[in-house]
Amino acid sequence: MTASLTLPAAVSLAFERALDGVNTHHPGRVGRVSSDGSSVDVQPLVRTRYTNEAGAEVTETYPVIPNVPVLHPYGGDFAVTFPVAVGDTVLLAFSKDSLDRWKATGGETDPSDY
């Protein structure tokens, strides 16, 4: 006998699966620091989880994210800066839009892609 989902359960499951791929913040560990300290390579520290085709739950390590810009808090004429070193734990923040044009020009921009 085949199990069937109700419409609300199917919609809920679809949203849950879609949101599994959305990242907003993630802890990571610095693996490389650029010579000027403005970017780092980061290994995300929480693995991804999904259900494979056989129905088994699987976890995998995310790949290293290269050239992550380092941002320090600032406001007005003041900034708090500190050196970032290999092995440091950092918080990755993900944007839903491309930041390429903003990084190149600053200010308010249109996304360079969707």
Protein backbone atom coordinates (compact mmCIF):
# COMPACT_ATOMS: atom_id res chain seq x y z
CA MET A 1 0.00 0.00 0.00
CA THR A 2 1.34 3.45 -0.90
CA ALA A 3 1.18 6.16 1.75
CA SER A 4 -0.32 9.44 0.56
CA LEU A 5 0.15 12.94 1.93
CA THR A 6 -2.60 15.42 2.46
CA LEU A 7 -2.24 18.68 0.53
CA PRO A 8 -1.26 20.69 3.64
CA ALA A 9 1.34 18.06 4.60
CA ALA A 10 2.76 18.02 1.05
CA VAL A 11 3.01 21.82 0.95
CA SER A 12 4.65 21.86 4.37
CA LEU A 13 7.16 19.22 3.30
CA ALA A 14 7.95 21.13 0.09
CA PHE A 15 8.63 24.34 2.04
CA GLU A 16 10.76 22.48 4.57
CA ARG A 17 12.88 20.90 1.83
CA ALA A 18 13.23 24.23 -0.03
CA LEU A 19 14.30 26.07 3.12
CA ASP A 20 16.89 23.39 3.96
CA GLY A 21 19.07 24.91 1.24
CA VAL A 22 18.80 28.49 2.51
CA ASN A 23 21.69 29.67 4.66
CA THR A 24 21.68 32.97 6.51
CA HIS A 25 24.49 32.58 9.06
CA HIS A 26 26.93 29.78 9.68
CA PRO A 27 29.93 29.28 11.99
CA GLY A 28 33.20 28.63 10.24
CA ARG A 29 36.94 28.23 10.81
CA VAL A 30 39.55 30.34 9.01
CA GLY A 31 41.90 28.23 6.90
CA ARG A 32 43.82 30.95 5.05
CA VAL A 33 44.22 34.71 5.45
CA SER A 34 45.13 36.95 2.49
CA SER A 35 48.40 38.87 2.72
CA ASP A 36 46.57 42.14 3.46
CA GLY A 37 44.05 40.49 5.84
CA SER A 38 41.04 41.62 3.79
CA SER A 39 39.81 38.13 2.87
CA VAL A 40 39.92 34.60 4.23
CA ASP A 41 39.12 31.06 3.18
CA VAL A 42 36.56 29.56 5.58
CA GLN A 43 35.51 25.97 6.32
CA PRO A 44 31.86 25.91 7.47
CA LEU A 45 31.64 23.97 10.75
CA VAL A 46 28.06 22.65 10.70
CA ARG A 47 27.51 19.92 8.14
CA THR A 48 24.61 19.82 5.70
CA ARG A 49 21.93 17.15 6.08
CA TYR A 50 19.65 15.68 3.45
CA THR A 51 17.73 12.54 2.59
CA ASN A 52 19.29 10.57 -0.27
CA GLU A 53 17.44 8.67 -3.01
CA ALA A 54 17.36 5.52 -0.86
CA GLY A 55 15.56 7.45 1.90
CA ALA A 56 18.55 7.46 4.27
CA GLU A 57 19.55 10.61 6.13
CA VAL A 58 23.05 11.70 5.10
CA THR A 59 25.35 14.46 6.35
CA GLU A 60 28.15 16.03 4.37
CA THR A 61 30.82 18.60 5.06
CA TYR A 62 30.41 21.83 3.09
CA PRO A 63 33.36 22.77 0.88
CA VAL A 64 35.76 25.54 1.90
CA ILE A 65 34.47 28.98 0.85
CA PRO A 66 37.36 30.94 -0.71
CA ASN A 67 38.04 34.69 -0.60
CA VAL A 68 35.42 35.64 2.00
CA PRO A 69 35.64 39.40 2.68
CA VAL A 70 36.49 40.30 6.28
CA LEU A 71 34.24 43.01 7.70
CA HIS A 72 34.93 44.88 10.93
CA PRO A 73 32.33 46.91 12.83
CA TYR A 74 32.48 50.64 12.23
CA GLY A 75 30.38 53.75 12.54
CA GLY A 76 31.07 57.43 11.93
CA ASP A 77 34.79 58.11 12.35
CA PHE A 78 35.41 55.02 14.45
CA ALA A 79 36.16 51.38 13.71
CA VAL A 80 37.01 48.32 15.73
CA THR A 81 39.60 46.21 13.92
CA PHE A 82 41.56 43.15 14.96
CA PRO A 83 43.80 40.65 13.24
CA VAL A 84 42.20 37.47 11.91
CA ALA A 85 44.36 34.34 12.07
CA VAL A 86 44.23 30.81 10.71
CA GLY A 87 42.16 28.69 13.10
CA ASP A 88 39.92 31.54 14.28
CA THR A 89 36.19 30.85 14.48
CA VAL A 90 34.10 33.31 12.47
CA LEU A 91 30.45 33.87 11.62
CA LEU A 92 29.64 33.62 7.92
CA ALA A 93 26.76 35.83 6.75
CA PHE A 94 25.07 34.96 3.45
CA SER A 95 23.23 37.41 1.21
CA LYS A 96 20.29 36.37 -0.94
CA ASP A 97 21.51 38.71 -3.70
CA SER A 98 24.85 38.93 -5.46
CA LEU A 99 27.17 41.45 -3.79
CA ASP A 100 29.64 41.70 -6.69
CA ARG A 101 28.48 45.09 -7.98
CA TRP A 102 28.13 46.51 -4.44
CA LYS A 103 31.68 45.40 -3.57
CA ALA A 104 32.99 47.04 -6.75
CA THR A 105 31.11 50.35 -6.54
CA GLY A 106 29.71 50.73 -3.01
CA GLY A 107 26.52 52.59 -2.23
CA GLU A 108 23.10 51.53 -3.49
CA THR A 109 23.33 49.19 -6.48
CA ASP A 110 21.29 46.75 -8.51
CA PRO A 111 22.26 43.09 -8.15
CA SER A 112 24.56 41.98 -10.96
CA ASP A 113 22.66 38.71 -11.29
CA TYR A 114 19.69 36.95 -9.76
